[in-house]
Amino acid sequence: MHEQKHDLREAMVQSFIKAVDRGINLAVVVSDSTSTSKIKPFAQKYPDRLINVGIAEQNLVGVAAGLSLGGFVAVTANAACFLVARANEQVKNDVCYSNTNVKLIGLNAGVCYGPLAGTHHAIDDISIMLGLGNIVILAPSDAIDTAAIFDFALEYEGPVYIRMDSDKLPVIHNEDYRFELGRANLLRTGTDISIMAMGSTAHEAYFAGQELEADSVQAEVINISSIRPVDKEAIAESIRKTRRVITVEEHSLHGGLGSIIAEIIVEENLQAQLIRLGIPQGQFSKAGPRDKIRAHYQIDKNGIVTAAQKLLQTS
């Protein structure tokens, strides 16, 4: 792990530049979200490949679909809350149902917007995207994971949704990490408890695993960056071994990672105790500083450690 922190969006933009450099016919579409996407370096090098449709998210998706039909690998880059809500019909029909080669990037997902509250928090994007057919769903956790996921997505033929964070985050992957579609990423091995996380909460899980190890608890920490398809085999194997599992997500407990893991437990007839950490179903997320929101919902390192101790005491 590297102590230096990196903005995932900067890794994303560098992936765009490298993709064009190696011959990919890429077009990036934004909806007045040039600062949100940190797209400036790409715009400076390839200005003709950046299209700003203004604050018109439905047009954003429709234009991207049209570009893909014209032979481009089309990427949309705007806030997740507006992409999945305002442009939902276009995502469903123009991208998923029409099977256009569009990569939809949900920026500032989860509660990244902190004080801006429920109108800007995207805590339902995974559940909404899972409700749509014919789309791959991914959520990178650090800069290395981000670069690997975008390298894959820009070569992949078909619709992709990528859930993006906006914080500067430390690197929790080795330089030799390779992303594989449908494969879970084992960050730490353990036999006492399984901790499974999505997106940037993988950091919270990783550091919780370190703290638990200091208390002689061997936590297996798994980063689920491929949400659809998901690695049922690896998830089930870990749960069979530990029989205790915690899921961690900056997302509603409705239709997110915890729901996916619960379904796997039932479908595979696994004997396991499960604690799902996330934003309670049927609630808007709290407003405020992001670290305070995470602490409130116990999806930070301390909350995970507390949940693990509780699970170990009751089993």
C-alpha atoms as a PDB file:
ATOM      1  CA  MET A   1       0.000   0.000   0.000  1.00  0.00           C
ATOM      2  CA  HIS A   2       1.185   3.535  -0.795  1.00  0.00           C
ATOM      3  CA  GLU A   3       0.624   6.301   1.760  1.00  0.00           C
ATOM      4  CA  GLN A   4       0.333   8.979  -0.939  1.00  0.00           C
ATOM      5  CA  LYS A   5      -3.278   9.730  -1.822  1.00  0.00           C
ATOM      6  CA  HIS A   6      -4.587   9.985  -5.390  1.00  0.00           C
ATOM      7  CA  ASP A   7      -7.782  11.369  -6.918  1.00  0.00           C
ATOM      8  CA  LEU A   8      -9.512   8.561  -8.830  1.00  0.00           C
ATOM      9  CA  ARG A   9     -10.756  11.044 -11.436  1.00  0.00           C
ATOM     10  CA  GLU A  10      -7.203  11.980 -12.363  1.00  0.00           C
ATOM     11  CA  ALA A  11      -6.453   8.299 -12.999  1.00  0.00           C
ATOM     12  CA  MET A  12      -9.632   8.159 -15.108  1.00  0.00           C
ATOM     13  CA  VAL A  13      -8.625  11.137 -17.264  1.00  0.00           C
ATOM     14  CA  GLN A  14      -5.130   9.748 -17.803  1.00  0.00           C
ATOM     15  CA  SER A  15      -6.763   6.519 -18.976  1.00  0.00           C
ATOM     16  CA  PHE A  16      -8.740   8.538 -21.548  1.00  0.00           C
ATOM     17  CA  ILE A  17      -5.582  10.205 -22.856  1.00  0.00           C
ATOM     18  CA  LYS A  18      -3.697   6.916 -23.093  1.00  0.00           C
ATOM     19  CA  ALA A  19      -6.656   5.280 -24.840  1.00  0.00           C
ATOM     20  CA  VAL A  20      -6.666   7.890 -27.626  1.00  0.00           C
ATOM     21  CA  ASP A  21      -2.876   7.719 -27.824  1.00  0.00           C
ATOM     22  CA  ARG A  22      -3.105   4.002 -28.565  1.00  0.00           C
ATOM     23  CA  GLY A  23      -5.756   4.466 -31.238  1.00  0.00           C
ATOM     24  CA  ILE A  24      -9.135   4.151 -29.506  1.00  0.00           C
ATOM     25  CA  ASN A  25     -11.720   6.411 -31.174  1.00  0.00           C
ATOM     26  CA  LEU A  26     -12.871   7.968 -27.903  1.00  0.00           C
ATOM     27  CA  ALA A  27     -15.357  10.789 -27.343  1.00  0.00           C
ATOM     28  CA  VAL A  28     -16.126  12.184 -23.883  1.00  0.00           C
ATOM     29  CA  VAL A  29     -19.457  13.896 -23.227  1.00  0.00           C
ATOM     30  CA  VAL A  30     -20.045  16.101 -20.179  1.00  0.00           C
ATOM     31  CA  SER A  31     -23.051  18.075 -18.948  1.00  0.00           C
ATOM     32  CA  ASP A  32     -21.355  21.236 -17.726  1.00  0.00           C
ATOM     33  CA  SER A  33     -19.353  18.868 -15.492  1.00  0.00           C
ATOM     34  CA  THR A  34     -15.850  19.795 -16.650  1.00  0.00           C
ATOM     35  CA  SER A  35     -14.615  20.563 -13.133  1.00  0.00           C
ATOM     36  CA  THR A  36     -16.465  17.627 -11.569  1.00  0.00           C
ATOM     37  CA  SER A  37     -14.792  15.265 -14.027  1.00  0.00           C
ATOM     38  CA  LYS A  38     -11.371  16.962 -13.862  1.00  0.00           C
ATOM     39  CA  ILE A  39     -11.347  16.589 -17.644  1.00  0.00           C
ATOM     40  CA  LYS A  40      -9.090  19.612 -18.382  1.00  0.00           C
ATOM     41  CA  PRO A  41      -5.916  17.640 -19.290  1.00  0.00           C
ATOM     42  CA  PHE A  42      -7.910  15.604 -21.822  1.00  0.00           C
ATOM     43  CA  ALA A  43      -9.596  18.731 -23.198  1.00  0.00           C
ATOM     44  CA  GLN A  44      -6.225  20.436 -23.670  1.00  0.00           C
ATOM     45  CA  LYS A  45      -4.731  17.519 -25.587  1.00  0.00           C
ATOM     46  CA  TYR A  46      -7.820  16.412 -27.516  1.00  0.00           C
ATOM     47  CA  PRO A  47     -10.269  19.358 -27.585  1.00  0.00           C
ATOM     48  CA  ASP A  48     -12.209  17.945 -30.549  1.00  0.00           C
ATOM     49  CA  ARG A  49     -13.022  14.810 -28.567  1.00  0.00           C
ATOM     50  CA  LEU A  50     -14.779  16.591 -25.696  1.00  0.00           C
ATOM     51  CA  ILE A  51     -18.442  17.582 -26.047  1.00  0.00           C
ATOM     52  CA  ASN A  52     -20.201  19.703 -23.422  1.00  0.00           C
ATOM     53  CA  VAL A  53     -23.990  19.551 -23.821  1.00  0.00           C
ATOM     54  CA  GLY A  54     -24.633  21.885 -20.885  1.00  0.00           C
ATOM     55  CA  ILE A  55     -26.899  21.069 -17.962  1.00  0.00           C
ATOM     56  CA  ALA A  56     -28.947  18.588 -19.983  1.00  0.00           C
ATOM     57  CA  GLU A  57     -28.326  15.090 -18.678  1.00  0.00           C
ATOM     58  CA  GLN A  58     -30.897  13.407 -20.926  1.00  0.00           C
ATOM     59  CA  ASN A  59     -29.196  14.927 -23.966  1.00  0.00           C
ATOM     60  CA  LEU A  60     -25.853  13.831 -22.508  1.00  0.00           C
ATOM     61  CA  VAL A  61     -26.831  10.169 -22.718  1.00  0.00           C
ATOM     62  CA  GLY A  62     -28.643  10.510 -26.051  1.00  0.00           C
ATOM     63  CA  VAL A  63     -25.646  12.237 -27.668  1.00  0.00           C
ATOM     64  CA  ALA A  64     -23.312   9.556 -26.317  1.00  0.00           C
ATOM     65  CA  ALA A  65     -25.531   6.828 -27.759  1.00  0.00           C
ATOM     66  CA  GLY A  66     -25.524   8.605 -31.133  1.00  0.00           C
ATOM     67  CA  LEU A  67     -21.742   8.942 -31.073  1.00  0.00           C
ATOM     68  CA  SER A  68     -21.389   5.229 -30.397  1.00  0.00           C
ATOM     69  CA  LEU A  69     -23.584   4.459 -33.406  1.00  0.00           C
ATOM     70  CA  GLY A  70     -21.205   6.656 -35.405  1.00  0.00           C
ATOM     71  CA  GLY A  71     -18.232   4.515 -34.458  1.00  0.00           C
ATOM     72  CA  PHE A  72     -16.979   6.215 -31.305  1.00  0.00           C
ATOM     73  CA  VAL A  73     -16.321   4.679 -27.922  1.00  0.00           C
ATOM     74  CA  ALA A  74     -18.536   7.158 -26.064  1.00  0.00           C
ATOM     75  CA  VAL A  75     -18.046   8.097 -22.421  1.00  0.00           C
ATOM     76  CA  THR A  76     -20.354  10.229 -20.278  1.00  0.00           C
ATOM     77  CA  ALA A  77     -18.905  11.925 -17.205  1.00  0.00           C
ATOM     78  CA  ASN A  78     -21.252  13.659 -14.785  1.00  0.00           C
ATOM     79  CA  ALA A  79     -22.625  13.418 -11.269  1.00  0.00           C
ATOM     80  CA  ALA A  80     -24.087  10.002 -10.466  1.00  0.00           C
ATOM     81  CA  CYS A  81     -27.164  11.457  -8.780  1.00  0.00           C
ATOM     82  CA  PHE A  82     -28.278  13.195 -11.988  1.00  0.00           C
ATOM     83  CA  LEU A  83     -27.191  10.434 -14.357  1.00  0.00           C
ATOM     84  CA  VAL A  84     -29.265   7.688 -12.740  1.00  0.00           C
ATOM     85  CA  ALA A  85     -32.283   9.874 -11.959  1.00  0.00           C
ATOM     86  CA  ARG A  86     -32.727  12.582 -14.580  1.00  0.00           C
ATOM     87  CA  ALA A  87     -31.462  10.520 -17.514  1.00  0.00           C
ATOM     88  CA  ASN A  88     -32.840   7.159 -16.391  1.00  0.00           C
ATOM     89  CA  GLU A  89     -35.051   6.588 -19.432  1.00  0.00           C
ATOM     90  CA  GLN A  90     -32.230   7.408 -21.846  1.00  0.00           C
ATOM     91  CA  VAL A  91     -29.865   5.095 -19.973  1.00  0.00           C
ATOM     92  CA  LYS A  92     -32.434   2.303 -20.123  1.00  0.00           C
ATOM     93  CA  ASN A  93     -33.506   2.706 -23.748  1.00  0.00           C
ATOM     94  CA  ASP A  94     -30.675   4.447 -25.619  1.00  0.00           C
ATOM     95  CA  VAL A  95     -27.810   2.602 -23.931  1.00  0.00           C
ATOM     96  CA  CYS A  96     -28.892  -0.667 -22.307  1.00  0.00           C
ATOM     97  CA  TYR A  97     -31.810  -1.790 -24.500  1.00  0.00           C
ATOM     98  CA  SER A  98     -30.132  -0.511 -27.675  1.00  0.00           C
ATOM     99  CA  ASN A  99     -26.797  -2.084 -26.664  1.00  0.00           C
ATOM    100  CA  THR A 100     -24.765   0.976 -27.602  1.00  0.00           C
ATOM    101  CA  ASN A 101     -21.074   1.134 -26.795  1.00  0.00           C
ATOM    102  CA  VAL A 102     -21.400   3.771 -24.073  1.00  0.00           C
ATOM    103  CA  LYS A 103     -19.481   3.962 -20.811  1.00  0.00           C
ATOM    104  CA  LEU A 104     -21.530   5.785 -18.183  1.00  0.00           C
ATOM    105  CA  ILE A 105     -19.482   7.300 -15.358  1.00  0.00           C
ATOM    106  CA  GLY A 106     -21.320   8.208 -12.171  1.00  0.00           C
ATOM    107  CA  LEU A 107     -19.069  10.812 -10.554  1.00  0.00           C
ATOM    108  CA  ASN A 108     -19.223  11.831  -6.879  1.00  0.00           C
ATOM    109  CA  ALA A 109     -21.264   8.756  -5.994  1.00  0.00           C
ATOM    110  CA  GLY A 110     -22.436   7.860  -2.509  1.00  0.00           C
ATOM    111  CA  VAL A 111     -22.350  10.855  -0.159  1.00  0.00           C
ATOM    112  CA  CYS A 112     -19.374  12.590  -1.819  1.00  0.00           C
ATOM    113  CA  TYR A 113     -21.350  15.836  -1.947  1.00  0.00           C
ATOM    114  CA  GLY A 114     -21.655  15.782   1.864  1.00  0.00           C
ATOM    115  CA  PRO A 115     -23.470  18.982   2.944  1.00  0.00           C
ATOM    116  CA  LEU A 116     -25.560  19.137  -0.262  1.00  0.00           C
ATOM    117  CA  ALA A 117     -27.707  16.312   1.149  1.00  0.00           C
ATOM    118  CA  GLY A 118     -30.288  14.052  -0.483  1.00  0.00           C
ATOM    119  CA  THR A 119     -30.651  15.897  -3.777  1.00  0.00           C
ATOM    120  CA  HIS A 120     -26.976  15.298  -4.536  1.00  0.00           C
ATOM    121  CA  HIS A 121     -26.262  12.031  -2.720  1.00  0.00           C
ATOM    122  CA  ALA A 122     -26.266   8.977  -4.994  1.00  0.00           C
ATOM    123  CA  ILE A 123     -27.089   6.136  -2.613  1.00  0.00           C
ATOM    124  CA  ASP A 124     -29.364   4.284  -5.025  1.00  0.00           C
ATOM    125  CA  ASP A 125     -27.306   4.191  -8.233  1.00  0.00           C
ATOM    126  CA  ILE A 126     -26.270   0.549  -7.916  1.00  0.00           C
ATOM    127  CA  SER A 127     -29.816  -0.612  -7.183  1.00  0.00           C
ATOM    128  CA  ILE A 128     -31.118   1.386 -10.153  1.00  0.00           C
ATOM    129  CA  MET A 129     -28.464   0.066 -12.521  1.00  0.00           C
ATOM    130  CA  LEU A 130     -28.992  -3.499 -11.306  1.00  0.00           C
ATOM    131  CA  GLY A 131     -32.643  -3.051 -12.266  1.00  0.00           C
ATOM    132  CA  LEU A 132     -31.618  -2.445 -15.890  1.00  0.00           C
ATOM    133  CA  GLY A 133     -30.700  -5.215 -18.291  1.00  0.00           C
ATOM    134  CA  ASN A 134     -27.540  -5.521 -20.361  1.00  0.00           C
ATOM    135  CA  ILE A 135     -25.051  -3.349 -18.492  1.00  0.00           C
ATOM    136  CA  VAL A 136     -21.796  -4.157 -16.703  1.00  0.00           C
ATOM    137  CA  ILE A 137     -21.501  -2.443 -13.290  1.00  0.00           C
ATOM    138  CA  LEU A 138     -18.106  -1.591 -11.772  1.00  0.00           C
ATOM    139  CA  ALA A 139     -16.822   0.407  -8.776  1.00  0.00           C
ATOM    140  CA  PRO A 140     -13.075   1.122  -8.469  1.00  0.00           C
ATOM    141  CA  SER A 141     -11.504   1.580  -5.050  1.00  0.00           C
ATOM    142  CA  ASP A 142      -8.160   3.302  -5.674  1.00  0.00           C
ATOM    143  CA  ALA A 143      -6.096   4.825  -8.487  1.00  0.00           C
ATOM    144  CA  ILE A 144      -4.597   1.490  -9.606  1.00  0.00           C
ATOM    145  CA  ASP A 145      -8.028  -0.163  -9.593  1.00  0.00           C
ATOM    146  CA  THR A 146      -9.432   2.823 -11.513  1.00  0.00           C
ATOM    147  CA  ALA A 147      -6.804   2.705 -14.266  1.00  0.00           C
ATOM    148  CA  ALA A 148      -7.251  -1.056 -14.655  1.00  0.00           C
ATOM    149  CA  ILE A 149     -11.045  -0.787 -14.808  1.00  0.00           C
ATOM    150  CA  PHE A 150     -10.980   1.974 -17.421  1.00  0.00           C
ATOM    151  CA  ASP A 151      -8.431   0.088 -19.514  1.00  0.00           C
ATOM    152  CA  PHE A 152     -10.894  -2.802 -19.522  1.00  0.00           C
ATOM    153  CA  ALA A 153     -14.051  -0.732 -20.037  1.00  0.00           C
ATOM    154  CA  LEU A 154     -12.739   1.253 -23.008  1.00  0.00           C
ATOM    155  CA  GLU A 155     -11.822  -1.980 -24.809  1.00  0.00           C
ATOM    156  CA  TYR A 156     -15.048  -3.768 -23.847  1.00  0.00           C
ATOM    157  CA  GLU A 157     -17.842  -3.673 -26.430  1.00  0.00           C
ATOM    158  CA  GLY A 158     -21.130  -2.706 -24.803  1.00  0.00           C
ATOM    159  CA  PRO A 159     -22.724  -0.663 -21.988  1.00  0.00           C
ATOM    160  CA  VAL A 160     -20.770  -0.143 -18.754  1.00  0.00           C
ATOM    161  CA  TYR A 161     -21.598   1.833 -15.607  1.00  0.00           C
ATOM    162  CA  ILE A 162     -18.651   2.903 -13.434  1.00  0.00           C
ATOM    163  CA  ARG A 163     -19.340   4.250  -9.926  1.00  0.00           C
ATOM    164  CA  MET A 164     -16.693   6.842  -9.078  1.00  0.00           C
ATOM    165  CA  ASP A 165     -15.485   8.494  -5.884  1.00  0.00           C
ATOM    166  CA  SER A 166     -14.104  12.046  -5.638  1.00  0.00           C
ATOM    167  CA  ASP A 167     -11.862  11.833  -2.576  1.00  0.00           C
ATOM    168  CA  LYS A 168      -8.098  11.487  -2.655  1.00  0.00           C
ATOM    169  CA  LEU A 169      -7.465   7.932  -1.524  1.00  0.00           C
ATOM    170  CA  PRO A 170      -4.386   5.862  -0.685  1.00  0.00           C
ATOM    171  CA  VAL A 171      -3.438   2.956  -2.925  1.00  0.00           C
ATOM    172  CA  ILE A 172      -4.384  -0.447  -1.497  1.00  0.00           C
ATOM    173  CA  HIS A 173      -3.396  -2.510  -4.552  1.00  0.00           C
ATOM    174  CA  ASN A 174       0.026  -3.620  -5.731  1.00  0.00           C
ATOM    175  CA  GLU A 175       1.432  -2.297  -9.001  1.00  0.00           C
ATOM    176  CA  ASP A 176       1.007  -5.739 -10.589  1.00  0.00           C
ATOM    177  CA  TYR A 177      -2.763  -5.776  -9.936  1.00  0.00           C
ATOM    178  CA  ARG A 178      -4.881  -6.721 -12.943  1.00  0.00           C
ATOM    179  CA  PHE A 179      -8.631  -6.192 -13.088  1.00  0.00           C
ATOM    180  CA  GLU A 180     -10.699  -9.137 -14.317  1.00  0.00           C
ATOM    181  CA  LEU A 181     -14.398  -8.780 -15.075  1.00  0.00           C
ATOM    182  CA  GLY A 182     -16.472 -10.854 -12.662  1.00  0.00           C
ATOM    183  CA  ARG A 183     -13.594 -11.533 -10.295  1.00  0.00           C
ATOM    184  CA  ALA A 184     -13.456 -10.431  -6.647  1.00  0.00           C
ATOM    185  CA  ASN A 185     -10.231  -8.869  -5.417  1.00  0.00           C
ATOM    186  CA  LEU A 186      -8.739 -10.366  -2.260  1.00  0.00           C
ATOM    187  CA  LEU A 187      -7.006  -7.616  -0.244  1.00  0.00           C
ATOM    188  CA  ARG A 188      -6.316  -9.634   2.922  1.00  0.00           C
ATOM    189  CA  THR A 189      -6.650 -13.333   3.717  1.00  0.00           C
ATOM    190  CA  GLY A 190      -8.262 -14.504   6.942  1.00  0.00           C
ATOM    191  CA  THR A 191     -10.189 -17.289   8.613  1.00  0.00           C
ATOM    192  CA  ASP A 192     -12.229 -15.572  11.346  1.00  0.00           C
ATOM    193  CA  ILE A 193     -14.485 -13.175   9.449  1.00  0.00           C
ATOM    194  CA  SER A 194     -15.115 -11.964   5.889  1.00  0.00           C
ATOM    195  CA  ILE A 195     -15.391  -8.230   5.206  1.00  0.00           C
ATOM    196  CA  MET A 196     -16.679  -7.367   1.741  1.00  0.00           C
ATOM    197  CA  ALA A 197     -16.708  -3.791   0.496  1.00  0.00           C
ATOM    198  CA  MET A 198     -17.590  -1.808  -2.622  1.00  0.00           C
ATOM    199  CA  GLY A 199     -15.803   1.251  -3.981  1.00  0.00           C
ATOM    200  CA  SER A 200     -13.951   3.527  -1.599  1.00  0.00           C
ATOM    201  CA  THR A 201     -15.304   1.738   1.477  1.00  0.00           C
ATOM    202  CA  ALA A 202     -12.735  -0.941   0.570  1.00  0.00           C
ATOM    203  CA  HIS A 203     -10.230   1.379   2.279  1.00  0.00           C
ATOM    204  CA  GLU A 204     -12.273   1.393   5.467  1.00  0.00           C
ATOM    205  CA  ALA A 205     -12.451  -2.406   5.316  1.00  0.00           C
ATOM    206  CA  TYR A 206      -8.731  -2.737   4.590  1.00  0.00           C
ATOM    207  CA  PHE A 207      -7.696  -0.610   7.570  1.00  0.00           C
ATOM    208  CA  ALA A 208     -10.297  -2.298   9.787  1.00  0.00           C
ATOM    209  CA  GLY A 209      -8.670  -5.597   8.858  1.00  0.00           C
ATOM    210  CA  GLN A 210      -5.308  -4.235   9.970  1.00  0.00           C
ATOM    211  CA  GLU A 211      -6.735  -3.108  13.309  1.00  0.00           C
ATOM    212  CA  LEU A 212      -8.475  -6.440  13.887  1.00  0.00           C
ATOM    213  CA  GLU A 213      -5.230  -8.271  13.170  1.00  0.00           C
ATOM    214  CA  ALA A 214      -3.632  -6.357  16.042  1.00  0.00           C
ATOM    215  CA  ASP A 215      -6.312  -7.965  18.251  1.00  0.00           C
ATOM    216  CA  SER A 216      -5.488 -11.420  16.836  1.00  0.00           C
ATOM    217  CA  VAL A 217      -8.558 -11.473  14.578  1.00  0.00           C
ATOM    218  CA  GLN A 218      -7.832 -12.718  11.063  1.00  0.00           C
ATOM    219  CA  ALA A 219     -10.197 -10.796   8.783  1.00  0.00           C
ATOM    220  CA  GLU A 220     -10.487 -11.679   5.112  1.00  0.00           C
ATOM    221  CA  VAL A 221     -11.028  -8.429   3.207  1.00  0.00           C
ATOM    222  CA  ILE A 222     -12.497  -8.575  -0.305  1.00  0.00           C
ATOM    223  CA  ASN A 223     -12.930  -5.648  -2.679  1.00  0.00           C
ATOM    224  CA  ILE A 224     -15.972  -6.186  -4.908  1.00  0.00           C
ATOM    225  CA  SER A 225     -15.131  -3.893  -7.830  1.00  0.00           C
ATOM    226  CA  SER A 226     -17.063  -6.017 -10.341  1.00  0.00           C
ATOM    227  CA  ILE A 227     -20.676  -5.832  -9.196  1.00  0.00           C
ATOM    228  CA  ARG A 228     -22.229  -7.178 -12.369  1.00  0.00           C
ATOM    229  CA  PRO A 229     -21.071  -9.793 -13.077  1.00  0.00           C
ATOM    230  CA  VAL A 230     -20.199 -10.628  -9.475  1.00  0.00           C
ATOM    231  CA  ASP A 231     -17.829 -13.355  -8.322  1.00  0.00           C
ATOM    232  CA  LYS A 232     -20.320 -15.674  -6.599  1.00  0.00           C
ATOM    233  CA  GLU A 233     -17.785 -18.482  -6.338  1.00  0.00           C
ATOM    234  CA  ALA A 234     -15.119 -16.485  -4.494  1.00  0.00           C
ATOM    235  CA  ILE A 235     -17.702 -14.825  -2.238  1.00  0.00           C
ATOM    236  CA  ALA A 236     -19.283 -18.159  -1.318  1.00  0.00           C
ATOM    237  CA  GLU A 237     -15.864 -19.751  -0.737  1.00  0.00           C
ATOM    238  CA  SER A 238     -14.885 -17.024   1.731  1.00  0.00           C
ATOM    239  CA  ILE A 239     -18.179 -17.221   3.607  1.00  0.00           C
ATOM    240  CA  ARG A 240     -17.983 -21.032   3.853  1.00  0.00           C
ATOM    241  CA  LYS A 241     -14.570 -20.616   5.456  1.00  0.00           C
ATOM    242  CA  THR A 242     -15.378 -17.890   7.999  1.00  0.00           C
ATOM    243  CA  ARG A 243     -19.162 -18.293   8.486  1.00  0.00           C
ATOM    244  CA  ARG A 244     -19.257 -14.616   9.441  1.00  0.00           C
ATOM    245  CA  VAL A 245     -19.547 -11.759   6.955  1.00  0.00           C
ATOM    246  CA  ILE A 246     -19.815  -7.975   7.043  1.00  0.00           C
ATOM    247  CA  THR A 247     -20.716  -5.975   3.939  1.00  0.00           C
ATOM    248  CA  VAL A 248     -19.731  -2.302   3.722  1.00  0.00           C
ATOM    249  CA  GLU A 249     -21.086   0.219   1.233  1.00  0.00           C
ATOM    250  CA  GLU A 250     -21.740   3.947   0.919  1.00  0.00           C
ATOM    251  CA  HIS A 251     -25.118   3.073  -0.550  1.00  0.00           C
ATOM    252  CA  SER A 252     -28.603   2.204   0.596  1.00  0.00           C
ATOM    253  CA  LEU A 253     -28.994  -1.259   2.089  1.00  0.00           C
ATOM    254  CA  HIS A 254     -31.747  -1.690  -0.484  1.00  0.00           C
ATOM    255  CA  GLY A 255     -30.380  -3.240  -3.658  1.00  0.00           C
ATOM    256  CA  GLY A 256     -26.692  -2.745  -3.014  1.00  0.00           C
ATOM    257  CA  LEU A 257     -23.749  -4.968  -2.116  1.00  0.00           C
ATOM    258  CA  GLY A 258     -25.351  -6.246   1.091  1.00  0.00           C
ATOM    259  CA  SER A 259     -28.394  -7.391  -0.850  1.00  0.00           C
ATOM    260  CA  ILE A 260     -26.205  -9.198  -3.389  1.00  0.00           C
ATOM    261  CA  ILE A 261     -24.272 -11.016  -0.645  1.00  0.00           C
ATOM    262  CA  ALA A 262     -27.499 -11.919   1.204  1.00  0.00           C
ATOM    263  CA  GLU A 263     -28.874 -13.446  -1.996  1.00  0.00           C
ATOM    264  CA  ILE A 264     -25.703 -15.493  -2.476  1.00  0.00           C
ATOM    265  CA  ILE A 265     -25.916 -16.784   1.110  1.00  0.00           C
ATOM    266  CA  VAL A 266     -29.488 -17.943   0.552  1.00  0.00           C
ATOM    267  CA  GLU A 267     -29.008 -19.324  -2.961  1.00  0.00           C
ATOM    268  CA  GLU A 268     -25.866 -21.264  -1.989  1.00  0.00           C
ATOM    269  CA  ASN A 269     -27.459 -22.457   1.284  1.00  0.00           C
ATOM    270  CA  LEU A 270     -24.558 -21.069   3.315  1.00  0.00           C
ATOM    271  CA  GLN A 271     -24.622 -21.224   7.101  1.00  0.00           C
ATOM    272  CA  ALA A 272     -23.433 -17.758   8.025  1.00  0.00           C
ATOM    273  CA  GLN A 273     -24.078 -14.696  10.158  1.00  0.00           C
ATOM    274  CA  LEU A 274     -24.374 -11.444   8.198  1.00  0.00           C
ATOM    275  CA  ILE A 275     -24.140  -7.789   9.211  1.00  0.00           C
ATOM    276  CA  ARG A 276     -24.852  -5.266   6.454  1.00  0.00           C
ATOM    277  CA  LEU A 277     -23.362  -1.810   6.982  1.00  0.00           C
ATOM    278  CA  GLY A 278     -24.780   0.979   4.844  1.00  0.00           C
ATOM    279  CA  ILE A 279     -27.521   3.584   4.768  1.00  0.00           C
ATOM    280  CA  PRO A 280     -30.789   2.148   6.120  1.00  0.00           C
ATOM    281  CA  GLN A 281     -33.403   1.210   3.567  1.00  0.00           C
ATOM    282  CA  GLY A 282     -36.093   3.807   2.991  1.00  0.00           C
ATOM    283  CA  GLN A 283     -34.053   6.752   4.284  1.00  0.00           C
ATOM    284  CA  PHE A 284     -32.325   9.721   2.723  1.00  0.00           C
ATOM    285  CA  SER A 285     -28.699   9.950   3.804  1.00  0.00           C
ATOM    286  CA  LYS A 286     -27.666  12.512   6.402  1.00  0.00           C
ATOM    287  CA  ALA A 287     -26.034  15.779   5.337  1.00  0.00           C
ATOM    288  CA  GLY A 288     -22.702  16.978   6.638  1.00  0.00           C
ATOM    289  CA  PRO A 289     -18.957  16.325   6.361  1.00  0.00           C
ATOM    290  CA  ARG A 290     -18.380  13.018   4.642  1.00  0.00           C
ATOM    291  CA  ASP A 291     -16.334  11.468   7.438  1.00  0.00           C
ATOM    292  CA  LYS A 292     -19.094  12.317   9.909  1.00  0.00           C
ATOM    293  CA  ILE A 293     -21.708  10.726   7.643  1.00  0.00           C
ATOM    294  CA  ARG A 294     -19.630   7.552   7.378  1.00  0.00           C
ATOM    295  CA  ALA A 295     -19.167   7.435  11.144  1.00  0.00           C
ATOM    296  CA  HIS A 296     -22.926   7.927  11.676  1.00  0.00           C
ATOM    297  CA  TYR A 297     -23.756   4.924   9.504  1.00  0.00           C
ATOM    298  CA  GLN A 298     -20.797   2.918  10.879  1.00  0.00           C
ATOM    299  CA  ILE A 299     -19.287   2.457   7.429  1.00  0.00           C
ATOM    300  CA  ASP A 300     -15.924   3.790   8.540  1.00  0.00           C
ATOM    301  CA  LYS A 301     -13.014   1.774   9.949  1.00  0.00           C
ATOM    302  CA  ASN A 302     -14.204   2.092  13.552  1.00  0.00           C
ATOM    303  CA  GLY A 303     -17.738   1.046  12.668  1.00  0.00           C
ATOM    304  CA  ILE A 304     -16.476  -2.038  10.848  1.00  0.00           C
ATOM    305  CA  VAL A 305     -14.235  -3.034  13.776  1.00  0.00           C
ATOM    306  CA  THR A 306     -17.184  -2.648  16.185  1.00  0.00           C
ATOM    307  CA  ALA A 307     -19.416  -4.764  13.937  1.00  0.00           C
ATOM    308  CA  ALA A 308     -16.725  -7.442  13.671  1.00  0.00           C
ATOM    309  CA  GLN A 309     -16.284  -7.599  17.443  1.00  0.00           C
ATOM    310  CA  LYS A 310     -20.046  -7.897  17.876  1.00  0.00           C
ATOM    311  CA  LEU A 311     -20.229 -10.695  15.316  1.00  0.00           C
ATOM    312  CA  LEU A 312     -17.368 -12.602  16.919  1.00  0.00           C
ATOM    313  CA  GLN A 313     -18.889 -12.281  20.401  1.00  0.00           C
ATOM    314  CA  THR A 314     -22.323 -13.582  19.359  1.00  0.00           C
ATOM    315  CA  SER A 315     -21.098 -16.589  17.363  1.00  0.00           C
END
